[in-house]
Amino acid sequence: MAERRIYIDYNATTPLKEEVKAAMIQDLDIYGNASSMHHSGRLAHARVEEARQAVRELLGASQGNIIFTSGGSESNNTVFQTMRQLASGPDVVSPGRTEIITTSIEHPCVLNAAAFLQTLGFTVRFLPVDSYGKVQLDALKSALNERTLLVSVMMANNEIGTIQDIREITTLVKAAGAWMHTDAVQAVGKIPVNVTELGVDYLTMSAHKIYGPKGIGVLYARKGAPLFPLIHGGHQEDSIRAGTYNNSGILGLGKAATLAAGLVERYGKEIAALRDQLKEGLLANVPNITINGHPHDVLPNTLNVSFPGAEGESILLSLDIMGIEASTGSACASGSLEPSHVLLAIGAGPELAHGSIRFSLGWGLTAEDIAYIIETVPPIIERLRAMSTLH
């Protein structure tokens, strides 16, 4: 193992910022239950509300609900279970609307939540994307009808970084009388995200993607948008999300949100410059590679590269030996031998999909780190191609 370690897997998770860590440590002394009415409880509750306000400011959410959850997966599932209640609950709110529209490149928690509704009789339509990973708006227009209940389109893809035209998509969805949800877990903190401008009904985010703690996330619901609990119990979060408040996690999220709001413009410039340095270096030094994702509408930190003739897991392990920690795709799919559903959806084909590496950058990386990666990757690919029967 190399002594030097370079972490370049920030789309999987991010390290805690020191300011976030300090805020969480400070909160350990505030032991009161935020639902209690005594002094300690009120102090804990005040910290929760300060964090909620920080999230509002990050998302541009002057109105609507900010619900704290355990993360993006719970937030997304809450939206889908709300749709189940709307269409088939004891008091049907949306009679006749039993169709869900999503895309073929969503995160597994959305795909599987939609698949579960299919087992209950819902119709689910999976929109195609083009070779860059963009939703085809004509296909959306054709799919929308009087039975459409929900459209769920992720704002930015976790594997290839392609950013969707959420505002335009939302306009079409609202004209059809359906609810609009976007999984913005990978977008928040990396690009400007304003729920008021987007017009969405629901948006989800997660703290550990913005240098906050794991196990805490947010579901935003526009004022007037229906919301039913996924977890039943007490009165917390306006009776939408039961359970004792995770004060330490919530406070860490609040601090991370405040920091992210002040750094998003700088992030877009500085991290994108490092990403472009890596992209140009690999294109110049490794023959026959493919860059996956949109050339312009892409997260500033994400670079997905296919290396034909080399297998992704072998590349990953070879990089790890040299001290470089990257990914073959979504962290939630690690351990699977199946090719990336995202890369297959954009037409990459099994060989390219199996030979892809996701480099996702973040704060802490330097130009020297990127230069080391550019120096390290070419001999690895050359060696693996020489061994491969595919090349």
Protein backbone atom coordinates (compact mmCIF):
# COMPACT_ATOMS: atom_id res chain seq x y z
CA MET A 1 0.00 0.00 0.00
CA ALA A 2 1.19 3.47 -0.85
CA GLU A 3 1.81 5.82 2.06
CA ARG A 4 0.13 8.67 0.18
CA ARG A 5 -3.69 8.54 0.26
CA ILE A 6 -5.79 10.62 -2.11
CA TYR A 7 -9.54 10.46 -1.56
CA ILE A 8 -11.45 11.24 -4.74
CA ASP A 9 -14.81 9.62 -3.98
CA TYR A 10 -16.76 12.62 -2.65
CA ASN A 11 -20.01 11.62 -4.35
CA ALA A 12 -20.07 8.57 -2.09
CA THR A 13 -19.54 10.64 1.04
CA THR A 14 -17.58 13.64 2.27
CA PRO A 15 -15.40 14.11 5.34
CA LEU A 16 -16.72 16.21 8.20
CA LYS A 17 -15.56 19.80 7.98
CA GLU A 18 -13.72 20.85 11.12
CA GLU A 19 -16.34 23.52 11.85
CA VAL A 20 -19.07 20.88 11.64
CA LYS A 21 -17.18 18.52 13.91
CA ALA A 22 -16.65 21.28 16.47
CA ALA A 23 -20.36 22.18 16.44
CA MET A 24 -21.35 18.55 16.96
CA ILE A 25 -18.90 18.11 19.85
CA GLN A 26 -20.28 21.22 21.48
CA ASP A 27 -23.79 19.85 21.15
CA LEU A 28 -22.90 16.70 23.10
CA ASP A 29 -23.25 18.76 26.28
CA ILE A 30 -26.79 19.77 25.31
CA TYR A 31 -28.41 16.52 26.38
CA GLY A 32 -32.03 17.62 26.68
CA ASN A 33 -34.74 16.03 24.57
CA ALA A 34 -35.85 18.64 22.04
CA SER A 35 -39.47 17.64 22.66
CA SER A 36 -39.27 18.42 26.40
CA MET A 37 -40.66 21.67 27.79
CA HIS A 38 -38.05 22.32 30.46
CA HIS A 39 -34.98 24.52 30.02
CA SER A 40 -32.69 21.80 28.65
CA GLY A 41 -35.37 20.68 26.20
CA ARG A 42 -36.02 24.22 25.03
CA LEU A 43 -32.31 24.77 24.50
CA ALA A 44 -32.06 21.61 22.40
CA HIS A 45 -35.18 22.58 20.46
CA ALA A 46 -33.75 26.03 19.72
CA ARG A 47 -30.68 24.42 18.17
CA VAL A 48 -32.89 22.24 15.99
CA GLU A 49 -34.76 25.28 14.72
CA GLU A 50 -31.52 27.16 14.04
CA ALA A 51 -30.42 24.26 11.86
CA ARG A 52 -33.79 24.22 10.10
CA GLN A 53 -33.39 27.88 9.26
CA ALA A 54 -29.89 27.24 7.89
CA VAL A 55 -31.32 24.59 5.57
CA ARG A 56 -34.08 26.98 4.49
CA GLU A 57 -31.47 29.54 3.51
CA LEU A 58 -29.38 26.97 1.65
CA LEU A 59 -32.42 25.82 -0.36
CA GLY A 60 -34.08 29.21 -0.79
CA ALA A 61 -37.14 27.83 1.00
CA SER A 62 -38.88 30.81 2.60
CA GLN A 63 -42.04 28.72 2.96
CA GLY A 64 -42.90 25.04 3.05
CA ASN A 65 -41.85 22.22 5.34
CA ILE A 66 -38.27 21.29 6.15
CA ILE A 67 -38.49 17.79 7.63
CA PHE A 68 -35.43 16.18 9.18
CA THR A 69 -35.00 12.50 8.27
CA SER A 70 -32.26 9.88 8.46
CA GLY A 71 -31.05 10.70 4.94
CA GLY A 72 -31.87 10.83 1.27
CA SER A 73 -33.28 7.31 1.05
CA GLU A 74 -35.81 7.90 3.81
CA SER A 75 -36.76 11.27 2.35
CA ASN A 76 -37.35 9.78 -1.09
CA ASN A 77 -39.34 6.86 0.31
CA THR A 78 -41.51 9.27 2.28
CA VAL A 79 -42.52 10.99 -0.95
CA PHE A 80 -43.39 7.70 -2.66
CA GLN A 81 -45.37 6.45 0.32
CA THR A 82 -47.21 9.77 0.35
CA MET A 83 -48.24 9.07 -3.25
CA ARG A 84 -49.48 5.67 -2.17
CA GLN A 85 -51.68 7.31 0.44
CA LEU A 86 -52.97 9.89 -2.02
CA ALA A 87 -54.05 7.29 -4.53
CA SER A 88 -55.19 4.42 -2.34
CA GLY A 89 -55.49 5.58 1.26
CA PRO A 90 -58.70 5.55 3.28
CA ASP A 91 -59.51 9.04 2.00
CA VAL A 92 -58.45 9.04 -1.64
CA VAL A 93 -57.21 12.53 -2.51
CA SER A 94 -56.22 11.87 -6.13
CA PRO A 95 -58.80 9.47 -7.61
CA GLY A 96 -57.76 7.91 -10.89
CA ARG A 97 -54.16 9.08 -10.65
CA THR A 98 -52.09 5.93 -10.24
CA GLU A 99 -49.15 6.51 -12.58
CA ILE A 100 -45.61 7.37 -11.55
CA ILE A 101 -43.02 8.73 -13.99
CA THR A 102 -39.33 8.58 -13.22
CA THR A 103 -36.14 8.00 -15.21
CA SER A 104 -33.91 5.07 -16.01
CA ILE A 105 -30.91 6.64 -14.24
CA GLU A 106 -32.29 7.37 -10.77
CA HIS A 107 -30.65 6.37 -7.51
CA PRO A 108 -31.62 2.82 -6.41
CA CYS A 109 -33.77 4.14 -3.55
CA VAL A 110 -36.04 5.89 -6.06
CA LEU A 111 -36.05 3.01 -8.52
CA ASN A 112 -36.88 0.50 -5.80
CA ALA A 113 -39.51 2.74 -4.18
CA ALA A 114 -41.18 3.04 -7.59
CA ALA A 115 -40.89 -0.71 -8.14
CA PHE A 116 -42.62 -1.31 -4.80
CA LEU A 117 -45.56 0.85 -5.88
CA GLN A 118 -45.73 -1.25 -9.04
CA THR A 119 -46.44 -4.31 -6.90
CA LEU A 120 -49.41 -2.43 -5.43
CA GLY A 121 -50.96 -1.76 -8.83
CA PHE A 122 -49.37 1.55 -9.77
CA THR A 123 -48.13 2.04 -13.32
CA VAL A 124 -44.51 3.22 -13.43
CA ARG A 125 -43.00 4.73 -16.57
CA PHE A 126 -39.23 5.00 -16.86
CA LEU A 127 -38.20 7.88 -19.10
CA PRO A 128 -35.25 7.33 -21.43
CA VAL A 129 -32.23 9.63 -21.45
CA ASP A 130 -29.95 10.67 -24.28
CA SER A 131 -26.29 9.71 -24.65
CA TYR A 132 -25.32 12.45 -22.18
CA GLY A 133 -27.82 11.34 -19.55
CA LYS A 134 -30.35 14.12 -20.18
CA VAL A 135 -34.06 13.41 -19.81
CA GLN A 136 -35.78 13.61 -23.17
CA LEU A 137 -38.47 16.25 -22.71
CA ASP A 138 -40.51 15.01 -25.66
CA ALA A 139 -40.71 11.61 -23.99
CA LEU A 140 -41.89 13.29 -20.78
CA LYS A 141 -44.58 15.23 -22.67
CA SER A 142 -45.80 11.99 -24.26
CA ALA A 143 -45.83 10.15 -20.94
CA LEU A 144 -47.75 12.79 -18.98
CA ASN A 145 -51.52 12.25 -18.89
CA GLU A 146 -54.57 12.66 -16.66
CA ARG A 147 -53.54 9.60 -14.63
CA THR A 148 -50.06 10.88 -13.76
CA LEU A 149 -49.68 11.32 -10.00
CA LEU A 150 -45.96 11.96 -9.48
CA VAL A 151 -42.89 12.70 -11.55
CA SER A 152 -39.52 12.09 -9.87
CA VAL A 153 -36.35 13.24 -11.65
CA MET A 154 -32.99 13.58 -9.92
CA MET A 155 -31.38 17.00 -10.23
CA ALA A 156 -27.86 15.66 -10.81
CA ASN A 157 -26.77 12.10 -11.40
CA ASN A 158 -24.51 10.52 -8.81
CA GLU A 159 -22.48 8.51 -11.33
CA ILE A 160 -21.98 10.74 -14.37
CA GLY A 161 -22.86 14.14 -12.88
CA THR A 162 -25.32 15.21 -15.58
CA ILE A 163 -27.60 18.04 -14.40
CA GLN A 164 -31.26 17.94 -15.46
CA ASP A 165 -33.44 20.87 -16.54
CA ILE A 166 -35.60 20.63 -13.43
CA ARG A 167 -37.35 23.96 -13.88
CA GLU A 168 -38.48 23.06 -17.42
CA ILE A 169 -39.48 19.56 -16.31
CA THR A 170 -41.47 20.98 -13.39
CA THR A 171 -43.36 23.36 -15.68
CA LEU A 172 -44.53 20.43 -17.81
CA VAL A 173 -45.43 18.35 -14.77
CA LYS A 174 -47.46 21.07 -13.07
CA ALA A 175 -49.33 21.78 -16.30
CA ALA A 176 -50.42 18.13 -16.25
CA GLY A 177 -51.68 18.47 -12.67
CA ALA A 178 -49.12 16.08 -11.16
CA TRP A 179 -46.74 16.40 -8.22
CA MET A 180 -43.03 17.02 -8.86
CA HIS A 181 -40.17 15.55 -6.83
CA THR A 182 -36.43 15.90 -7.33
CA ASP A 183 -33.69 13.97 -5.58
CA ALA A 184 -31.12 16.75 -5.14
CA VAL A 185 -28.74 14.82 -2.88
CA GLN A 186 -25.82 15.22 -5.30
CA ALA A 187 -26.69 18.77 -6.36
CA VAL A 188 -27.08 20.67 -3.09
CA GLY A 189 -23.88 22.42 -2.08
CA LYS A 190 -22.27 21.91 -5.50
CA ILE A 191 -24.51 24.08 -7.64
CA PRO A 192 -27.09 26.74 -6.68
CA VAL A 193 -30.37 25.10 -5.64
CA ASN A 194 -33.43 27.27 -5.00
CA VAL A 195 -36.69 25.43 -4.50
CA THR A 196 -38.75 28.57 -5.10
CA GLU A 197 -37.19 29.11 -8.52
CA LEU A 198 -37.42 25.42 -9.41
CA GLY A 199 -41.09 25.23 -8.41
CA VAL A 200 -40.82 21.63 -7.20
CA ASP A 201 -43.24 20.15 -4.69
CA TYR A 202 -40.65 17.93 -3.01
CA LEU A 203 -36.86 17.97 -2.79
CA THR A 204 -34.49 15.72 -0.88
CA MET A 205 -30.93 16.25 0.36
CA SER A 206 -28.44 14.53 2.66
CA ALA A 207 -25.93 15.98 5.12
CA HIS A 208 -23.05 13.65 4.40
CA LYS A 209 -22.80 14.88 0.81
CA ILE A 210 -22.10 18.44 2.00
CA TYR A 211 -19.40 17.71 4.61
CA GLY A 212 -21.91 17.00 7.35
CA PRO A 213 -22.61 13.83 9.38
CA LYS A 214 -24.09 10.60 8.09
CA GLY A 215 -27.56 9.53 9.18
CA ILE A 216 -29.30 12.87 8.79
CA GLY A 217 -31.11 14.33 5.79
CA VAL A 218 -33.94 16.61 4.74
CA LEU A 219 -37.22 16.40 2.92
CA TYR A 220 -38.52 19.72 1.65
CA ALA A 221 -42.23 19.87 0.87
CA ARG A 222 -43.72 22.95 -0.76
CA LYS A 223 -46.47 24.71 1.16
CA GLY A 224 -49.70 22.92 0.31
CA ALA A 225 -48.01 19.76 -0.96
CA PRO A 226 -49.45 16.67 0.75
CA LEU A 227 -47.20 14.73 3.09
CA PHE A 228 -47.86 11.54 5.04
CA PRO A 229 -45.50 9.94 7.57
CA LEU A 230 -43.32 7.00 6.67
CA ILE A 231 -42.49 6.44 10.36
CA HIS A 232 -45.44 6.62 12.76
CA GLY A 233 -45.13 7.52 16.40
CA GLY A 234 -44.83 10.83 18.21
CA HIS A 235 -45.53 14.40 17.23
CA GLN A 236 -42.03 15.33 16.03
CA GLU A 237 -41.62 17.23 12.75
CA ASP A 238 -45.29 18.27 12.65
CA SER A 239 -46.21 14.59 13.13
CA ILE A 240 -44.58 13.75 9.79
CA ARG A 241 -41.42 12.05 11.08
CA ALA A 242 -41.67 10.41 14.49
CA GLY A 243 -38.70 9.70 16.72
CA THR A 244 -36.50 11.51 19.22
CA TYR A 245 -34.60 14.31 17.53
CA ASN A 246 -31.06 13.48 16.45
CA ASN A 247 -29.80 16.76 17.84
CA SER A 248 -26.12 16.18 17.15
CA GLY A 249 -26.77 15.18 13.55
CA ILE A 250 -29.25 18.00 12.98
CA LEU A 251 -26.84 20.57 14.40
CA GLY A 252 -24.04 19.19 12.21
CA LEU A 253 -26.31 19.43 9.17
CA GLY A 254 -27.19 23.01 10.04
CA LYS A 255 -23.54 24.01 10.29
CA ALA A 256 -22.73 22.20 7.04
CA ALA A 257 -25.64 23.96 5.32
CA THR A 258 -24.43 27.37 6.45
CA LEU A 259 -20.92 26.65 5.18
CA ALA A 260 -22.18 25.23 1.87
CA ALA A 261 -24.37 28.27 1.23
CA GLY A 262 -21.37 30.58 1.54
CA LEU A 263 -19.05 28.44 -0.58
CA VAL A 264 -21.18 27.19 -3.49
CA GLU A 265 -19.95 29.80 -5.99
CA ARG A 266 -16.31 29.25 -5.05
CA TYR A 267 -16.86 25.49 -5.17
CA GLY A 268 -18.17 25.73 -8.71
CA LYS A 269 -14.99 27.47 -9.87
CA GLU A 270 -12.19 25.85 -7.88
CA ILE A 271 -13.39 22.24 -7.90
CA ALA A 272 -14.32 22.45 -11.59
CA ALA A 273 -10.79 23.66 -12.36
CA LEU A 274 -9.34 20.56 -10.69
CA ARG A 275 -11.86 18.34 -12.48
CA ASP A 276 -10.89 19.86 -15.82
CA GLN A 277 -7.19 19.38 -15.02
CA LEU A 278 -7.87 15.69 -14.41
CA LYS A 279 -10.02 15.32 -17.52
CA GLU A 280 -7.47 16.95 -19.82
CA GLY A 281 -4.60 15.00 -18.26
CA LEU A 282 -6.31 11.65 -18.76
CA LEU A 283 -7.35 12.46 -22.33
CA ALA A 284 -3.78 13.48 -23.16
CA ASN A 285 -2.08 10.49 -21.54
CA VAL A 286 -4.43 7.52 -21.88
CA PRO A 287 -5.45 6.50 -25.41
CA ASN A 288 -8.96 5.36 -26.31
CA ILE A 289 -11.00 6.52 -23.32
CA THR A 290 -14.57 7.84 -23.13
CA ILE A 291 -15.85 10.63 -20.91
CA ASN A 292 -19.39 9.85 -19.74
CA GLY A 293 -21.92 12.56 -18.97
CA HIS A 294 -22.86 15.93 -20.35
CA PRO A 295 -19.95 18.12 -21.51
CA HIS A 296 -21.40 21.30 -19.95
CA ASP A 297 -24.46 20.55 -17.79
CA VAL A 298 -22.47 18.50 -15.31
CA LEU A 299 -21.56 18.77 -11.65
CA PRO A 300 -18.30 20.68 -11.16
CA ASN A 301 -16.79 17.80 -9.22
CA THR A 302 -17.72 14.71 -11.24
CA LEU A 303 -15.72 12.93 -13.93
CA ASN A 304 -16.80 9.48 -15.13
CA VAL A 305 -14.33 7.79 -17.46
CA SER A 306 -14.58 4.49 -19.34
CA PHE A 307 -11.36 2.62 -20.09
CA PRO A 308 -12.13 0.02 -22.81
CA GLY A 309 -10.09 -3.13 -22.41
CA ALA A 310 -9.67 -2.74 -18.65
CA GLU A 311 -12.10 -3.99 -16.01
CA GLY A 312 -13.37 -1.43 -13.52
CA GLU A 313 -12.81 -3.45 -10.36
CA SER A 314 -9.23 -4.17 -11.39
CA ILE A 315 -8.62 -0.48 -12.08
CA LEU A 316 -10.12 0.41 -8.72
CA LEU A 317 -7.96 -2.04 -6.79
CA SER A 318 -4.84 -0.99 -8.66
CA LEU A 319 -5.55 2.65 -7.88
CA ASP A 320 -6.12 1.79 -4.22
CA ILE A 321 -2.72 0.10 -4.03
CA MET A 322 -1.23 3.34 -5.32
CA GLY A 323 -3.09 5.35 -2.69
CA ILE A 324 -5.96 6.65 -4.86
CA GLU A 325 -9.49 6.04 -3.57
CA ALA A 326 -12.06 6.32 -6.37
CA SER A 327 -15.21 4.42 -7.31
CA THR A 328 -16.65 2.31 -10.08
CA GLY A 329 -20.01 4.05 -9.78
CA SER A 330 -22.62 4.48 -7.10
CA ALA A 331 -21.49 3.58 -3.59
CA CYS A 332 -24.90 1.96 -3.03
CA ALA A 333 -24.13 -0.53 -5.81
CA SER A 334 -20.65 -1.53 -4.61
CA GLY A 335 -20.29 -5.29 -4.42
CA SER A 336 -22.54 -5.80 -7.43
CA LEU A 337 -21.05 -7.40 -10.52
CA GLU A 338 -23.77 -5.94 -12.73
CA PRO A 339 -22.74 -3.08 -15.03
CA SER A 340 -23.93 0.40 -14.08
CA HIS A 341 -27.59 0.90 -14.97
CA VAL A 342 -26.78 4.57 -15.59
CA LEU A 343 -24.09 3.83 -18.18
CA LEU A 344 -26.27 1.22 -19.86
CA ALA A 345 -29.09 3.78 -20.03
CA ILE A 346 -26.90 6.27 -21.93
CA GLY A 347 -25.92 3.55 -24.39
CA ALA A 348 -22.39 2.90 -23.17
CA GLY A 349 -22.66 -0.87 -23.61
CA PRO A 350 -21.54 -3.58 -21.14
CA GLU A 351 -17.79 -3.32 -21.88
CA LEU A 352 -17.63 0.44 -21.34
CA ALA A 353 -19.93 0.18 -18.35
CA HIS A 354 -17.76 -2.49 -16.73
CA GLY A 355 -14.61 -0.47 -17.40
CA SER A 356 -15.70 2.85 -15.90
CA ILE A 357 -14.27 4.79 -13.00
CA ARG A 358 -15.99 7.68 -11.23
CA PHE A 359 -13.65 10.37 -9.96
CA SER A 360 -15.63 12.73 -7.70
CA LEU A 361 -13.68 15.64 -6.28
CA GLY A 362 -14.08 17.89 -3.28
CA TRP A 363 -12.51 20.28 -0.80
CA GLY A 364 -9.06 19.18 0.30
CA LEU A 365 -7.82 18.00 -3.09
CA THR A 366 -4.92 19.91 -4.64
CA ALA A 367 -3.45 20.35 -8.10
CA GLU A 368 -0.54 18.19 -6.91
CA ASP A 369 -2.98 15.39 -6.04
CA ILE A 370 -4.51 15.58 -9.50
CA ALA A 371 -1.07 15.52 -11.12
CA TYR A 372 -0.26 12.36 -9.16
CA ILE A 373 -3.46 10.70 -10.40
CA ILE A 374 -2.68 11.67 -14.00
CA GLU A 375 0.80 10.18 -13.58
CA THR A 376 -0.50 6.99 -11.95
CA VAL A 377 -3.44 6.02 -14.14
CA PRO A 378 -1.74 5.49 -17.58
CA PRO A 379 0.63 2.65 -16.56
CA ILE A 380 -2.22 0.92 -14.71
CA ILE A 381 -4.46 0.99 -17.78
CA GLU A 382 -1.61 -0.11 -20.04
CA ARG A 383 -0.85 -3.08 -17.78
CA LEU A 384 -4.48 -4.16 -17.45
CA ARG A 385 -5.12 -3.86 -21.18
CA ALA A 386 -2.09 -5.99 -21.90
CA MET A 387 -3.57 -8.70 -19.68
CA SER A 388 -7.12 -8.42 -21.01
CA THR A 389 -8.66 -10.69 -23.64
CA LEU A 390 -11.04 -7.88 -24.50
CA HIS A 391 -8.42 -5.40 -25.74
